[in-house]
Amino acid sequence: MATTLVIDDEASNGRLGLELYRERSADLIITDIVMPEMDGLEMILELTRNFLNVKVIAMPGGLESEGRLNAAKLLGARQTFQKPVDMDKLLSAVRYELAH
């Protein structure tokens, strides 16, 4: 089975990411948790509160990541990954989320 990965937009912070999603929704969002202006946790909360079918994969930016990963799941992230990310596992998660 052939797979194509398309990256539509990139945002430098959570607020811009949220604005981009409101303008044009995406099939899947992959986000850092640590970002300026609006962090990934706030963005995930806003996305899942306003868009019931949004699919989010989150990853932390720092060493204190386990608590943030758990918080991301509680706020609606469908999957989370520690950094450094295993690309095979991430691609598998992307395929799964896009298929379900």
N, C-alpha and C. Protein backbone atom coordinates (compact mmCIF):
# COMPACT_ATOMS: atom_id res chain seq x y z
N MET A 1 0.83 -1.16 0.00
CA MET A 1 0.00 0.00 0.00
C MET A 1 0.88 1.24 0.00
N ALA A 2 0.65 2.14 -0.93
CA ALA A 2 1.41 3.38 -1.01
C ALA A 2 0.87 4.39 0.00
N THR A 3 1.77 5.19 0.54
CA THR A 3 1.38 6.20 1.51
C THR A 3 1.95 7.54 1.10
N THR A 4 1.16 8.57 1.22
CA THR A 4 1.62 9.91 0.93
C THR A 4 1.41 10.76 2.17
N LEU A 5 2.44 11.48 2.56
CA LEU A 5 2.35 12.38 3.69
C LEU A 5 2.44 13.80 3.16
N VAL A 6 1.42 14.59 3.41
CA VAL A 6 1.38 15.97 2.94
C VAL A 6 1.35 16.89 4.15
N ILE A 7 2.27 17.82 4.18
CA ILE A 7 2.28 18.82 5.24
C ILE A 7 1.76 20.11 4.63
N ASP A 8 0.60 20.54 5.11
CA ASP A 8 -0.04 21.71 4.54
C ASP A 8 0.49 23.02 5.10
N ASP A 9 0.50 23.17 6.39
CA ASP A 9 0.86 24.43 7.01
C ASP A 9 1.74 24.19 8.22
N GLU A 10 2.49 25.22 8.56
CA GLU A 10 3.33 25.16 9.74
C GLU A 10 3.14 26.46 10.51
N ALA A 11 2.99 26.35 11.81
CA ALA A 11 2.79 27.53 12.65
C ALA A 11 3.92 27.61 13.67
N SER A 12 4.38 28.82 13.94
CA SER A 12 5.49 29.01 14.88
C SER A 12 5.03 29.07 16.33
N ASN A 13 3.72 29.14 16.55
CA ASN A 13 3.20 29.14 17.92
C ASN A 13 1.78 28.61 17.92
N GLY A 14 1.27 28.32 19.10
CA GLY A 14 -0.05 27.73 19.23
C GLY A 14 -1.18 28.62 18.75
N ARG A 15 -1.06 29.92 18.99
CA ARG A 15 -2.11 30.85 18.56
C ARG A 15 -2.23 30.84 17.03
N LEU A 16 -1.11 30.90 16.34
CA LEU A 16 -1.12 30.86 14.88
C LEU A 16 -1.63 29.50 14.39
N GLY A 17 -1.24 28.43 15.06
CA GLY A 17 -1.72 27.10 14.68
C GLY A 17 -3.22 27.00 14.78
N LEU A 18 -3.78 27.54 15.83
CA LEU A 18 -5.23 27.55 16.02
C LEU A 18 -5.92 28.37 14.94
N GLU A 19 -5.36 29.54 14.62
CA GLU A 19 -5.92 30.37 13.55
C GLU A 19 -5.89 29.64 12.21
N LEU A 20 -4.77 29.00 11.91
CA LEU A 20 -4.66 28.26 10.65
C LEU A 20 -5.70 27.15 10.57
N TYR A 21 -5.91 26.45 11.68
CA TYR A 21 -6.89 25.37 11.68
C TYR A 21 -8.30 25.91 11.49
N ARG A 22 -8.59 27.05 12.09
CA ARG A 22 -9.92 27.65 11.92
C ARG A 22 -10.16 28.07 10.47
N GLU A 23 -9.11 28.54 9.80
CA GLU A 23 -9.23 28.96 8.40
C GLU A 23 -9.40 27.76 7.47
N ARG A 24 -8.65 26.72 7.75
CA ARG A 24 -8.68 25.54 6.88
C ARG A 24 -8.29 24.33 7.72
N SER A 25 -9.28 23.54 8.08
CA SER A 25 -9.01 22.38 8.93
C SER A 25 -8.08 21.39 8.23
N ALA A 26 -7.43 20.58 9.03
CA ALA A 26 -6.50 19.58 8.53
C ALA A 26 -6.96 18.21 8.99
N ASP A 27 -6.52 17.18 8.30
CA ASP A 27 -6.85 15.82 8.69
C ASP A 27 -6.17 15.41 9.99
N LEU A 28 -5.01 16.01 10.27
CA LEU A 28 -4.23 15.64 11.44
C LEU A 28 -3.32 16.81 11.82
N ILE A 29 -3.18 17.05 13.12
CA ILE A 29 -2.26 18.06 13.62
C ILE A 29 -1.19 17.35 14.44
N ILE A 30 0.06 17.66 14.14
CA ILE A 30 1.19 17.20 14.95
C ILE A 30 1.77 18.45 15.58
N THR A 31 1.80 18.48 16.90
CA THR A 31 2.22 19.71 17.58
C THR A 31 3.23 19.47 18.68
N ASP A 32 4.08 20.46 18.87
CA ASP A 32 4.92 20.52 20.06
C ASP A 32 4.04 20.98 21.20
N ILE A 33 4.41 20.66 22.40
CA ILE A 33 3.67 21.14 23.55
C ILE A 33 4.23 22.48 24.01
N VAL A 34 5.55 22.64 23.95
CA VAL A 34 6.19 23.88 24.37
C VAL A 34 6.32 24.80 23.17
N MET A 35 5.54 25.91 23.20
CA MET A 35 5.56 26.91 22.13
C MET A 35 5.30 28.28 22.74
N PRO A 36 5.73 29.34 22.07
CA PRO A 36 5.45 30.69 22.58
C PRO A 36 3.99 31.10 22.35
N GLU A 37 3.60 32.16 23.01
CA GLU A 37 2.27 32.79 22.93
C GLU A 37 1.15 31.91 23.47
N MET A 38 0.90 30.77 22.86
CA MET A 38 -0.08 29.80 23.34
C MET A 38 0.59 28.44 23.23
N ASP A 39 0.77 27.77 24.36
CA ASP A 39 1.47 26.48 24.28
C ASP A 39 0.58 25.40 23.69
N GLY A 40 1.18 24.27 23.42
CA GLY A 40 0.45 23.17 22.79
C GLY A 40 -0.71 22.65 23.62
N LEU A 41 -0.59 22.67 24.94
CA LEU A 41 -1.69 22.20 25.78
C LEU A 41 -2.90 23.11 25.64
N GLU A 42 -2.67 24.42 25.65
CA GLU A 42 -3.78 25.36 25.45
C GLU A 42 -4.40 25.19 24.07
N MET A 43 -3.55 25.00 23.07
CA MET A 43 -4.04 24.83 21.71
C MET A 43 -4.87 23.55 21.59
N ILE A 44 -4.40 22.46 22.18
CA ILE A 44 -5.15 21.19 22.15
C ILE A 44 -6.51 21.37 22.81
N LEU A 45 -6.53 22.05 23.95
CA LEU A 45 -7.79 22.29 24.65
C LEU A 45 -8.76 23.09 23.77
N GLU A 46 -8.29 24.15 23.15
CA GLU A 46 -9.15 24.96 22.28
C GLU A 46 -9.63 24.16 21.07
N LEU A 47 -8.74 23.39 20.48
CA LEU A 47 -9.12 22.59 19.31
C LEU A 47 -10.18 21.56 19.66
N THR A 48 -9.95 20.80 20.74
CA THR A 48 -10.90 19.73 21.08
C THR A 48 -12.20 20.29 21.64
N ARG A 49 -12.16 21.47 22.19
CA ARG A 49 -13.38 22.11 22.68
C ARG A 49 -14.25 22.60 21.52
N ASN A 50 -13.62 23.07 20.46
CA ASN A 50 -14.35 23.68 19.34
C ASN A 50 -14.53 22.78 18.13
N PHE A 51 -13.71 21.75 18.00
CA PHE A 51 -13.77 20.87 16.83
C PHE A 51 -13.75 19.42 17.33
N LEU A 52 -14.89 18.80 17.39
CA LEU A 52 -15.02 17.48 18.02
C LEU A 52 -14.22 16.39 17.33
N ASN A 53 -14.03 16.48 16.04
CA ASN A 53 -13.35 15.41 15.31
C ASN A 53 -11.88 15.67 15.04
N VAL A 54 -11.32 16.69 15.68
CA VAL A 54 -9.91 17.01 15.43
C VAL A 54 -9.03 15.86 15.92
N LYS A 55 -7.98 15.59 15.16
CA LYS A 55 -7.00 14.55 15.51
C LYS A 55 -5.67 15.23 15.78
N VAL A 56 -5.12 14.98 16.98
CA VAL A 56 -3.88 15.63 17.39
C VAL A 56 -2.89 14.60 17.89
N ILE A 57 -1.66 14.73 17.43
CA ILE A 57 -0.52 14.00 17.98
C ILE A 57 0.38 15.06 18.61
N ALA A 58 0.79 14.86 19.87
CA ALA A 58 1.57 15.86 20.59
C ALA A 58 2.89 15.29 21.07
N MET A 59 3.88 16.19 21.19
CA MET A 59 5.18 15.82 21.74
C MET A 59 5.72 16.99 22.54
N PRO A 60 6.41 16.69 23.64
CA PRO A 60 6.91 17.76 24.51
C PRO A 60 8.22 18.34 23.99
N GLY A 61 8.61 19.46 24.58
CA GLY A 61 9.85 20.07 24.17
C GLY A 61 10.95 19.97 25.21
N GLY A 62 10.63 19.55 26.44
CA GLY A 62 11.62 19.56 27.49
C GLY A 62 11.73 18.26 28.25
N LEU A 63 12.52 18.28 29.29
CA LEU A 63 12.78 17.09 30.09
C LEU A 63 11.61 16.72 30.99
N GLU A 64 10.80 17.71 31.39
CA GLU A 64 9.67 17.45 32.27
C GLU A 64 8.47 16.99 31.48
N SER A 65 8.69 16.09 30.56
CA SER A 65 7.70 15.79 29.54
C SER A 65 6.60 14.81 29.93
N GLU A 66 6.82 13.90 30.86
CA GLU A 66 5.81 12.89 31.14
C GLU A 66 4.50 13.51 31.63
N GLY A 67 4.59 14.47 32.51
CA GLY A 67 3.38 15.15 32.99
C GLY A 67 2.68 15.89 31.87
N ARG A 68 3.44 16.50 31.00
CA ARG A 68 2.84 17.23 29.87
C ARG A 68 2.21 16.27 28.86
N LEU A 69 2.83 15.12 28.67
CA LEU A 69 2.24 14.13 27.77
C LEU A 69 0.91 13.64 28.32
N ASN A 70 0.86 13.37 29.61
CA ASN A 70 -0.39 12.95 30.23
C ASN A 70 -1.46 14.03 30.13
N ALA A 71 -1.05 15.28 30.35
CA ALA A 71 -2.00 16.40 30.23
C ALA A 71 -2.51 16.51 28.80
N ALA A 72 -1.63 16.34 27.82
CA ALA A 72 -2.04 16.41 26.41
C ALA A 72 -3.09 15.35 26.11
N LYS A 73 -2.91 14.14 26.64
CA LYS A 73 -3.90 13.07 26.43
C LYS A 73 -5.22 13.42 27.09
N LEU A 74 -5.16 13.95 28.30
CA LEU A 74 -6.39 14.33 29.00
C LEU A 74 -7.14 15.44 28.27
N LEU A 75 -6.42 16.30 27.58
CA LEU A 75 -7.03 17.41 26.85
C LEU A 75 -7.51 17.03 25.46
N GLY A 76 -7.15 15.81 25.01
CA GLY A 76 -7.68 15.36 23.73
C GLY A 76 -6.70 14.90 22.68
N ALA A 77 -5.40 14.96 22.97
CA ALA A 77 -4.44 14.42 22.00
C ALA A 77 -4.66 12.92 21.88
N ARG A 78 -4.74 12.45 20.66
CA ARG A 78 -5.01 11.03 20.45
C ARG A 78 -3.77 10.17 20.71
N GLN A 79 -2.59 10.72 20.42
CA GLN A 79 -1.35 10.01 20.68
C GLN A 79 -0.29 11.03 21.09
N THR A 80 0.69 10.57 21.86
CA THR A 80 1.80 11.42 22.28
C THR A 80 3.11 10.66 22.08
N PHE A 81 4.16 11.43 21.89
CA PHE A 81 5.49 10.85 21.69
C PHE A 81 6.53 11.63 22.44
N GLN A 82 7.48 10.91 23.05
CA GLN A 82 8.64 11.52 23.67
C GLN A 82 9.63 11.93 22.58
N LYS A 83 10.40 12.96 22.85
CA LYS A 83 11.51 13.31 21.96
C LYS A 83 12.77 12.69 22.52
N PRO A 84 13.70 12.25 21.72
CA PRO A 84 13.64 12.26 20.26
C PRO A 84 12.62 11.23 19.76
N VAL A 85 11.93 11.60 18.72
CA VAL A 85 10.85 10.78 18.19
C VAL A 85 11.39 9.68 17.29
N ASP A 86 10.89 8.48 17.48
CA ASP A 86 11.19 7.36 16.58
C ASP A 86 10.33 7.57 15.33
N MET A 87 10.95 7.89 14.22
CA MET A 87 10.20 8.25 13.01
C MET A 87 9.31 7.12 12.50
N ASP A 88 9.75 5.88 12.63
CA ASP A 88 8.90 4.76 12.20
C ASP A 88 7.62 4.70 13.02
N LYS A 89 7.74 4.90 14.33
CA LYS A 89 6.56 4.88 15.20
C LYS A 89 5.65 6.08 14.91
N LEU A 90 6.25 7.23 14.67
CA LEU A 90 5.45 8.42 14.35
C LEU A 90 4.71 8.23 13.04
N LEU A 91 5.38 7.73 12.02
CA LEU A 91 4.72 7.49 10.73
C LEU A 91 3.61 6.45 10.86
N SER A 92 3.83 5.44 11.68
CA SER A 92 2.79 4.44 11.92
C SER A 92 1.59 5.10 12.60
N ALA A 93 1.83 5.98 13.56
CA ALA A 93 0.75 6.67 14.25
C ALA A 93 0.00 7.60 13.29
N VAL A 94 0.71 8.27 12.41
CA VAL A 94 0.08 9.14 11.42
C VAL A 94 -0.83 8.31 10.51
N ARG A 95 -0.30 7.20 10.01
CA ARG A 95 -1.12 6.33 9.15
C ARG A 95 -2.38 5.87 9.88
N TYR A 96 -2.22 5.46 11.13
CA TYR A 96 -3.36 4.98 11.92
C TYR A 96 -4.40 6.10 12.07
N GLU A 97 -3.97 7.26 12.49
CA GLU A 97 -4.90 8.36 12.73
C GLU A 97 -5.62 8.78 11.45
N LEU A 98 -4.92 8.80 10.35
CA LEU A 98 -5.56 9.18 9.09
C LEU A 98 -6.55 8.13 8.61
N ALA A 99 -6.33 6.89 9.00
CA ALA A 99 -7.24 5.80 8.58
C ALA A 99 -8.45 5.67 9.50
N HIS A 100 -8.38 6.22 10.70
CA HIS A 100 -9.47 6.06 11.68
C HIS A 100 -10.09 7.37 11.99
